[in-house]
Amino acid sequence: MYSMLDSTTADIYIGGDAGVSDDNYGRYIGSFKGFAHGVRGTVYAVDENTLFVREFFYDGIGPTAYFWAGKSSRISPDGFTIPYPEDYPAVEPPPLQTHNNSNIILRLPGGKRIKDIKWLSVWCRRFTVNFGEVFIPITLDPPKPRILPEFKRYAHSLRSGNISILDARTFYIPNLHYDGLGPDAYFFVGNGSEPSPYGVKVPNEVGSLEPLKGYQGEDIEIQLPRSLTMHSIDWLAVWCVQYTHNFGHVNVPDDLDVPPALGQTKLTVSSRVNGGGGRSSGRPTIVGPSKKPRRHQSWSPPQPPPPWIFGSYAQTGREVFSPVQQYYNDYTYHIL
């Protein structure tokens, strides 16, 4: 599990040997070797079908340049175009425009996989010229989604199929059933071996933080708030805040090697609007005291606190906080 310091450090670290994992960007492949038009950038494998090019530069002057991939031993016309942007109105994808340190997600077309190609190039189709290239390591093993068990079945007819972690922020919950009768139920995440009141609400499949309505076998996707990832939580639950009741949960393992959350996973919104409401701001909704206590007030956290909430104590007596508990402290327990 990441500490908050680890996550900050990962934001500014790039590099290492080919095949080394960077949880922010995916599996490191290499940097473009540029030959013309200033081509440069660092390439990562996000998952088995998706590449991420970080800080891509191209002057845009080439007449018909495209991202180009193939499986020959050398860069050649024997390859295929990787469209960018992925959604385009014309029959043919547009040539690359000027890019100045752009971050680009490339999805291989036609169900192709990274293991089926040997290189990525910025290629001029009109003049068959290679503007820049990067080769895919033979041993590359991209991150993959992780399949978890189904929700434990404790109350309100909650059940599901096996839950998947699609990327570092996205859960896929198939065949979800819940009777909708809980008065104050939410998707909820936190730390520890079992769910507790000290956690963070997660928006539903349409981005609402209203109490959950019923589900009758829907397949849904939900995303963690932007300040959290799968590496900073231990469980996902359907939790009643009002009565501090766990309707069912699934544990999130520590040994995850899932795709990073770079925006490549688009939520599939069903026609049933669950809970109405507006979109989430992406900031965690913390459950606990909502107002900052004044100095003259007599106030203390709920007693007795669950032992795991406050982490383990070092010999100096200093408390060690988990990421979710640290958010809880930062937003709700600051003394004026």
Protein backbone atom coordinates (compact mmCIF):
# COMPACT_ATOMS: atom_id res chain seq x y z
CA MET A 1 0.00 0.00 0.00
CA TYR A 2 1.29 3.47 -0.88
CA SER A 3 1.83 6.12 1.72
CA MET A 4 1.00 9.67 0.69
CA LEU A 5 4.72 10.40 0.36
CA ASP A 6 5.21 7.42 -1.96
CA SER A 7 2.43 8.63 -4.24
CA THR A 8 3.92 12.12 -4.45
CA THR A 9 7.35 10.73 -5.28
CA ALA A 10 5.92 8.52 -8.04
CA ASP A 11 4.46 11.60 -9.74
CA ILE A 12 7.90 12.95 -10.56
CA TYR A 13 9.83 9.74 -11.13
CA ILE A 14 10.14 8.37 -14.64
CA GLY A 15 12.62 5.96 -16.07
CA GLY A 16 14.41 2.83 -15.10
CA ASP A 17 15.00 -0.31 -17.12
CA ALA A 18 12.57 -1.51 -19.76
CA GLY A 19 9.80 -3.54 -18.21
CA VAL A 20 9.96 -1.79 -14.82
CA SER A 21 6.53 -0.85 -13.52
CA ASP A 22 5.58 2.75 -12.82
CA ASP A 23 2.19 2.72 -11.13
CA ASN A 24 1.34 6.17 -12.48
CA TYR A 25 1.95 5.42 -16.15
CA GLY A 26 2.15 1.66 -16.67
CA ARG A 27 5.05 -0.56 -17.70
CA TYR A 28 8.01 1.42 -19.00
CA ILE A 29 8.90 0.59 -22.63
CA GLY A 30 11.42 3.25 -23.60
CA SER A 31 11.89 6.71 -25.11
CA PHE A 32 11.49 7.66 -28.74
CA LYS A 33 14.71 7.84 -30.70
CA GLY A 34 14.02 10.89 -32.84
CA PHE A 35 15.30 11.34 -36.40
CA ALA A 36 13.28 14.31 -37.67
CA HIS A 37 10.79 17.01 -36.71
CA GLY A 38 11.83 16.99 -33.05
CA VAL A 39 10.07 13.72 -32.22
CA ARG A 40 10.51 12.70 -28.58
CA GLY A 41 8.51 11.22 -25.72
CA THR A 42 8.45 8.34 -23.24
CA VAL A 43 6.31 5.28 -23.96
CA TYR A 44 4.55 3.00 -21.45
CA ALA A 45 2.31 -0.05 -21.73
CA VAL A 46 -0.93 0.78 -19.91
CA ASP A 47 -2.50 -2.64 -20.51
CA GLU A 48 -2.26 -5.30 -23.21
CA ASN A 49 -4.05 -3.09 -25.79
CA THR A 50 -3.07 0.45 -24.78
CA LEU A 51 0.06 2.60 -24.93
CA PHE A 52 0.73 5.88 -23.15
CA VAL A 53 3.15 8.44 -24.63
CA ARG A 54 4.25 10.94 -22.02
CA GLU A 55 5.43 14.43 -22.97
CA PHE A 56 5.22 13.77 -26.70
CA PHE A 57 6.74 16.42 -28.96
CA TYR A 58 6.33 16.69 -32.73
CA ASP A 59 6.57 19.91 -34.76
CA GLY A 60 3.61 19.00 -36.99
CA ILE A 61 5.38 19.89 -40.23
CA GLY A 62 5.48 16.40 -41.74
CA PRO A 63 2.74 16.13 -44.40
CA THR A 64 1.16 12.78 -43.45
CA ALA A 65 2.64 11.59 -40.17
CA TYR A 66 0.91 8.99 -38.02
CA PHE A 67 1.62 6.74 -35.09
CA TRP A 68 2.64 3.54 -36.88
CA ALA A 69 3.24 0.05 -35.47
CA GLY A 70 4.37 -3.27 -36.86
CA LYS A 71 6.01 -6.62 -36.18
CA SER A 72 8.86 -6.63 -38.69
CA SER A 73 12.42 -6.59 -37.37
CA ARG A 74 12.95 -3.02 -38.64
CA ILE A 75 10.68 0.00 -39.07
CA SER A 76 9.04 -0.36 -42.48
CA PRO A 77 5.90 0.41 -44.51
CA ASP A 78 4.66 -3.03 -43.45
CA GLY A 79 2.64 -1.82 -40.48
CA PHE A 80 -0.62 -0.18 -39.44
CA THR A 81 -1.85 3.19 -38.22
CA ILE A 82 -2.77 3.72 -34.58
CA PRO A 83 -5.40 6.47 -34.87
CA TYR A 84 -4.99 9.59 -32.77
CA PRO A 85 -7.29 10.99 -31.68
CA GLU A 86 -9.18 7.73 -31.34
CA ASP A 87 -12.53 9.29 -32.23
CA TYR A 88 -12.49 11.04 -35.60
CA PRO A 89 -15.38 11.96 -37.93
CA ALA A 90 -13.75 11.08 -41.28
CA VAL A 91 -13.23 7.65 -42.83
CA GLU A 92 -9.46 7.94 -42.45
CA PRO A 93 -7.76 9.12 -39.23
CA PRO A 94 -6.24 12.60 -39.46
CA PRO A 95 -2.45 13.13 -39.67
CA LEU A 96 -0.70 14.14 -36.48
CA GLN A 97 -0.88 17.80 -35.57
CA THR A 98 1.70 19.79 -33.60
CA HIS A 99 2.33 18.41 -30.11
CA ASN A 100 4.31 20.17 -27.42
CA ASN A 101 4.82 17.78 -24.49
CA SER A 102 1.36 16.21 -24.89
CA ASN A 103 0.27 13.17 -22.91
CA ILE A 104 -1.31 10.73 -25.36
CA ILE A 105 -3.27 7.50 -24.94
CA LEU A 106 -3.01 5.14 -27.94
CA ARG A 107 -5.42 2.22 -28.19
CA LEU A 108 -4.35 -0.45 -30.68
CA PRO A 109 -7.06 -0.93 -33.32
CA GLY A 110 -8.90 -4.09 -34.29
CA GLY A 111 -8.25 -5.99 -31.07
CA LYS A 112 -4.49 -5.97 -31.62
CA ARG A 113 -2.27 -6.41 -28.56
CA ILE A 114 1.09 -4.97 -27.62
CA LYS A 115 2.63 -8.44 -27.66
CA ASP A 116 1.74 -8.61 -31.38
CA ILE A 117 3.98 -5.65 -32.30
CA LYS A 118 7.72 -5.03 -32.10
CA TRP A 119 7.91 -1.27 -32.51
CA LEU A 120 6.11 2.07 -32.50
CA SER A 121 7.07 4.81 -34.94
CA VAL A 122 6.08 8.32 -36.00
CA TRP A 123 5.86 7.56 -39.70
CA CYS A 124 5.30 9.68 -42.81
CA ARG A 125 3.15 7.57 -45.10
CA ARG A 126 3.54 9.82 -48.16
CA PHE A 127 7.33 9.68 -48.21
CA THR A 128 7.81 6.45 -46.19
CA VAL A 129 10.10 8.22 -43.72
CA ASN A 130 10.63 7.26 -40.08
CA PHE A 131 10.60 10.41 -37.89
CA GLY A 132 11.17 8.52 -34.63
CA GLU A 133 10.99 5.03 -33.16
CA VAL A 134 10.85 2.96 -29.99
CA PHE A 135 11.15 -0.83 -29.83
CA ILE A 136 9.00 -3.04 -27.57
CA PRO A 137 11.01 -5.30 -25.22
CA ILE A 138 10.37 -8.99 -25.93
CA THR A 139 9.88 -9.67 -22.23
CA LEU A 140 7.32 -6.90 -21.72
CA ASP A 141 4.38 -8.00 -19.56
CA PRO A 142 1.79 -5.19 -19.40
CA PRO A 143 -0.36 -4.63 -16.30
CA LYS A 144 -3.67 -6.50 -16.30
CA PRO A 145 -7.05 -6.12 -14.61
CA ARG A 146 -7.47 -8.12 -11.40
CA ILE A 147 -10.49 -10.32 -10.68
CA LEU A 148 -11.73 -10.35 -7.08
CA PRO A 149 -14.44 -12.42 -5.38
CA GLU A 150 -18.05 -11.28 -5.29
CA PHE A 151 -19.50 -9.08 -2.54
CA LYS A 152 -20.01 -10.88 0.76
CA ARG A 153 -23.74 -11.20 1.39
CA TYR A 154 -24.72 -9.72 4.74
CA ALA A 155 -27.90 -7.67 4.31
CA HIS A 156 -30.52 -6.23 1.96
CA SER A 157 -30.13 -8.99 -0.66
CA LEU A 158 -26.74 -7.62 -1.71
CA ARG A 159 -24.93 -9.87 -4.15
CA SER A 160 -22.87 -9.63 -7.33
CA GLY A 161 -20.66 -11.52 -9.72
CA ASN A 162 -16.90 -11.54 -9.32
CA ILE A 163 -15.73 -7.92 -9.07
CA SER A 164 -12.87 -6.72 -11.29
CA ILE A 165 -10.33 -3.94 -10.80
CA LEU A 166 -10.04 -2.50 -14.30
CA ASP A 167 -7.43 0.10 -13.43
CA ALA A 168 -6.03 1.89 -10.38
CA ARG A 169 -9.31 3.77 -9.82
CA THR A 170 -12.06 1.71 -11.47
CA PHE A 171 -14.15 -1.21 -10.18
CA TYR A 172 -16.35 -3.29 -12.49
CA ILE A 173 -19.26 -4.86 -10.59
CA PRO A 174 -21.31 -7.33 -12.68
CA ASN A 175 -24.80 -8.62 -11.92
CA LEU A 176 -25.26 -6.30 -8.94
CA HIS A 177 -28.34 -6.89 -6.80
CA TYR A 178 -29.41 -4.70 -3.87
CA ASP A 179 -32.95 -4.11 -2.63
CA GLY A 180 -32.44 -0.35 -2.15
CA LEU A 181 -34.07 -0.33 1.28
CA GLY A 182 -31.04 0.81 3.25
CA PRO A 183 -31.77 4.38 4.42
CA ASP A 184 -28.27 5.79 3.93
CA ALA A 185 -26.22 3.32 1.86
CA TYR A 186 -23.22 4.16 -0.32
CA PHE A 187 -20.31 2.53 -2.04
CA PHE A 188 -17.61 2.96 0.60
CA VAL A 189 -13.84 2.33 0.79
CA GLY A 190 -11.29 2.42 3.58
CA ASN A 191 -8.43 0.74 5.40
CA GLY A 192 -8.22 -2.30 7.63
CA SER A 193 -9.24 -5.93 7.44
CA GLU A 194 -12.96 -5.14 7.80
CA PRO A 195 -15.15 -2.15 6.86
CA SER A 196 -15.67 0.51 9.52
CA PRO A 197 -17.36 3.94 9.81
CA TYR A 198 -14.06 5.63 9.00
CA GLY A 199 -14.07 5.59 5.23
CA VAL A 200 -14.69 7.48 2.02
CA LYS A 201 -17.85 7.55 -0.09
CA VAL A 202 -17.44 6.52 -3.73
CA PRO A 203 -19.78 7.95 -6.40
CA ASN A 204 -22.12 5.50 -8.08
CA GLU A 205 -21.98 4.59 -11.78
CA VAL A 206 -23.40 7.98 -12.86
CA GLY A 207 -21.17 10.01 -10.56
CA SER A 208 -23.81 10.68 -7.91
CA LEU A 209 -23.20 10.72 -4.16
CA GLU A 210 -26.88 10.34 -3.32
CA PRO A 211 -27.83 7.25 -1.25
CA LEU A 212 -27.94 4.12 -3.41
CA LYS A 213 -31.19 3.00 -5.01
CA GLY A 214 -31.96 -0.61 -5.88
CA TYR A 215 -30.09 -2.73 -8.41
CA GLN A 216 -31.60 -5.69 -10.25
CA GLY A 217 -28.67 -7.38 -11.94
CA GLU A 218 -27.00 -4.35 -13.57
CA ASP A 219 -23.36 -4.42 -14.65
CA ILE A 220 -21.79 -1.16 -13.43
CA GLU A 221 -18.44 0.59 -13.15
CA ILE A 222 -17.51 2.99 -10.35
CA GLN A 223 -14.41 5.13 -9.91
CA LEU A 224 -12.57 6.17 -6.78
CA PRO A 225 -12.17 9.89 -6.04
CA ARG A 226 -9.07 11.26 -7.73
CA SER A 227 -7.11 11.49 -4.49
CA LEU A 228 -7.35 7.72 -3.91
CA THR A 229 -6.18 4.63 -5.80
CA MET A 230 -6.56 0.90 -5.28
CA HIS A 231 -3.13 0.96 -3.64
CA SER A 232 -4.42 3.14 -0.79
CA ILE A 233 -7.52 1.14 0.17
CA ASP A 234 -8.17 -2.30 1.65
CA TRP A 235 -11.85 -2.88 0.92
CA LEU A 236 -14.94 -1.82 -1.01
CA ALA A 237 -18.30 -2.09 0.76
CA VAL A 238 -21.94 -1.18 0.45
CA TRP A 239 -22.22 0.65 3.77
CA CYS A 240 -25.06 2.33 5.65
CA VAL A 241 -23.62 5.50 7.16
CA GLN A 242 -26.62 6.24 9.39
CA TYR A 243 -26.59 2.84 11.11
CA THR A 244 -22.88 2.00 10.55
CA HIS A 245 -23.92 -1.28 8.98
CA ASN A 246 -21.94 -3.29 6.43
CA PHE A 247 -24.33 -4.80 3.86
CA GLY A 248 -21.44 -6.61 2.15
CA HIS A 249 -17.86 -6.01 1.05
CA VAL A 250 -14.90 -7.32 -0.90
CA ASN A 251 -11.25 -7.02 0.15
CA VAL A 252 -8.66 -5.36 -2.09
CA PRO A 253 -5.31 -7.22 -2.04
CA ASP A 254 -1.95 -5.52 -1.58
CA ASP A 255 -0.16 -7.24 -4.47
CA LEU A 256 -1.95 -5.42 -7.29
CA ASP A 257 -0.34 -4.95 -10.69
CA VAL A 258 -3.26 -3.31 -12.47
CA PRO A 259 -3.27 -0.69 -15.23
CA PRO A 260 -2.78 2.91 -14.12
CA ALA A 261 -5.74 5.30 -14.20
CA LEU A 262 -4.91 7.64 -17.08
CA GLY A 263 -8.43 8.23 -18.36
CA GLN A 264 -8.40 5.24 -20.69
CA THR A 265 -11.34 3.62 -18.85
CA LYS A 266 -14.61 5.34 -19.70
CA LEU A 267 -17.54 4.61 -17.42
CA THR A 268 -20.48 2.92 -19.10
CA VAL A 269 -23.54 4.83 -17.94
CA SER A 270 -26.74 2.79 -17.90
CA SER A 271 -30.09 4.27 -18.89
CA ARG A 272 -31.29 3.92 -15.29
CA VAL A 273 -30.18 7.04 -13.43
CA ASN A 274 -29.40 5.75 -9.96
CA GLY A 275 -29.80 8.38 -7.32
CA GLY A 276 -30.10 11.32 -9.71
CA GLY A 277 -27.96 14.11 -8.39
CA GLY A 278 -25.00 15.86 -9.89
CA ARG A 279 -21.57 14.68 -10.81
CA SER A 280 -18.89 14.14 -8.21
CA SER A 281 -16.21 16.78 -7.80
CA GLY A 282 -13.57 14.06 -7.39
CA ARG A 283 -12.82 15.11 -3.82
CA PRO A 284 -13.30 12.41 -1.18
CA THR A 285 -16.51 12.65 0.84
CA ILE A 286 -15.33 11.89 4.35
CA VAL A 287 -17.69 10.47 6.93
CA GLY A 288 -17.26 11.86 10.44
CA PRO A 289 -17.60 15.19 12.27
CA SER A 290 -18.46 17.81 9.65
CA LYS A 291 -17.42 20.93 11.58
CA LYS A 292 -14.06 21.92 13.00
CA PRO A 293 -14.24 21.98 16.81
CA ARG A 294 -13.38 25.23 18.55
CA ARG A 295 -10.73 25.37 21.24
CA HIS A 296 -13.22 25.91 24.06
CA GLN A 297 -15.33 22.92 23.07
CA SER A 298 -14.92 19.62 24.84
CA TRP A 299 -14.55 17.17 21.98
CA SER A 300 -12.86 13.89 21.21
CA PRO A 301 -13.09 11.32 18.42
CA PRO A 302 -15.68 8.56 18.84
CA GLN A 303 -14.65 6.12 21.55
CA PRO A 304 -13.30 3.54 21.50
CA PRO A 305 -11.64 3.96 18.11
CA PRO A 306 -11.04 0.80 16.06
CA PRO A 307 -7.38 -0.11 16.69
CA TRP A 308 -6.44 -0.19 13.00
CA ILE A 309 -7.79 3.28 12.32
CA PHE A 310 -4.91 4.93 14.07
CA GLY A 311 -2.25 2.64 12.68
CA SER A 312 0.54 1.17 14.75
CA TYR A 313 2.51 3.13 17.32
CA ALA A 314 6.24 3.57 16.92
CA GLN A 315 8.51 3.44 19.98
CA THR A 316 8.48 7.23 20.09
CA GLY A 317 4.70 7.18 20.52
CA ARG A 318 4.14 8.88 17.17
CA GLU A 319 1.02 7.69 15.31
CA VAL A 320 1.36 6.17 11.85
CA PHE A 321 -1.69 6.92 9.69
CA SER A 322 -3.01 5.07 6.66
CA PRO A 323 -3.82 7.19 3.56
CA VAL A 324 -7.59 7.08 4.11
CA GLN A 325 -7.23 7.92 7.82
CA GLN A 326 -4.84 10.76 6.92
CA TYR A 327 -7.51 12.25 4.62
CA TYR A 328 -9.98 11.88 7.47
CA ASN A 329 -7.64 13.76 9.81
CA ASP A 330 -6.83 16.49 7.28
CA TYR A 331 -10.46 17.27 6.45
CA THR A 332 -12.28 16.75 9.75
CA TYR A 333 -10.03 16.76 12.81
CA HIS A 334 -7.98 19.91 12.32
CA ILE A 335 -8.22 22.06 15.47
CA LEU A 336 -8.63 25.82 14.97
